[in-house]
Amino acid sequence: MGRRLKLQKRGKGTPKYKATIHAKVDVKYKPVKDYVLGQVVDFITDPIRNPPLAKILLSDGKELYTIASEGMKTGQKIEFGTGAKVSLGNVLALRDIEPGTNIYNIEKNFGDGGKFARSSGLSAVLVNKKEKCAIIKLPSGKIKEVSLDARATIGVVAGSGRHMKPFVKAGNKFYAMKARGKPYPTVRGVAMNPVDHPFGGSQHHVGHSKSTSRHAPAGRKVGSIAATRSGRKKK
């Protein structure tokens, strides 16, 4: 009998592997379409997010936090809603934005607060607008249709240099993974011995099909489970 797999040992999971709840603020757009003027008064960091957040003081005296864009600075005027200019950091509905514009923190439907392109250094592109929807190209390259009433921020998410900074030390990587709530470190199945994993062995590659039956026992259920197809997809 082989040993239990990592997934078997982990079971259904514990709070150790769940996302942190220690968020400082909630980052969402105001649930109104009216024109509002604000000013950036400060920048803060949030434990659960990579990019910095901009603290905005609105003309009605209320405060709002939003994901900062590259080039945003303290004292900058930020416009929200109908009639706002297509300018860095402003928030507009997709129907009011010209195709080819870089946008981020894009709503899927009006009022959900933003769902797409929210991580540091990312931005999507508004490709085209139809009668009832807007077509956007996400950072992954995927093309998606969203509502014309959905809002987005003009620009690119701040903190793009995060992707280029090396960890240098194992300790930095350890604390980064600990903050993400993911199992770390992990060992590849092909690097194990045959007794430890179905992919294990001296050849350092699987050596057989990775497809596995849906009804396979727990110790064999790794790889492509109940795959409907295998191999490279034809164009």
Foldseek 3Di string as FASTA:
>chain_A
DFDAAPPVVQDPHDPLQDADPQWPDDQFDDLDQDKWKWFFADWADTLRAAAIWTWIQIPVRDIHIHFAFPPDDGGDMEMEHPPDDLDAFHKYFQLPDDFFFWWAQKDQARPPGGDAQRHAFFTKTFHADDPFWTWIQGRVRDIDTGGSRIMTGTHHGHDNCVVVDDLPDPVSVVVVVSNRSRDPDDDDQCPDDVSHACQHDDVSGSPDDQEDELPDDNRHPDGNYPDPDDDDDDD
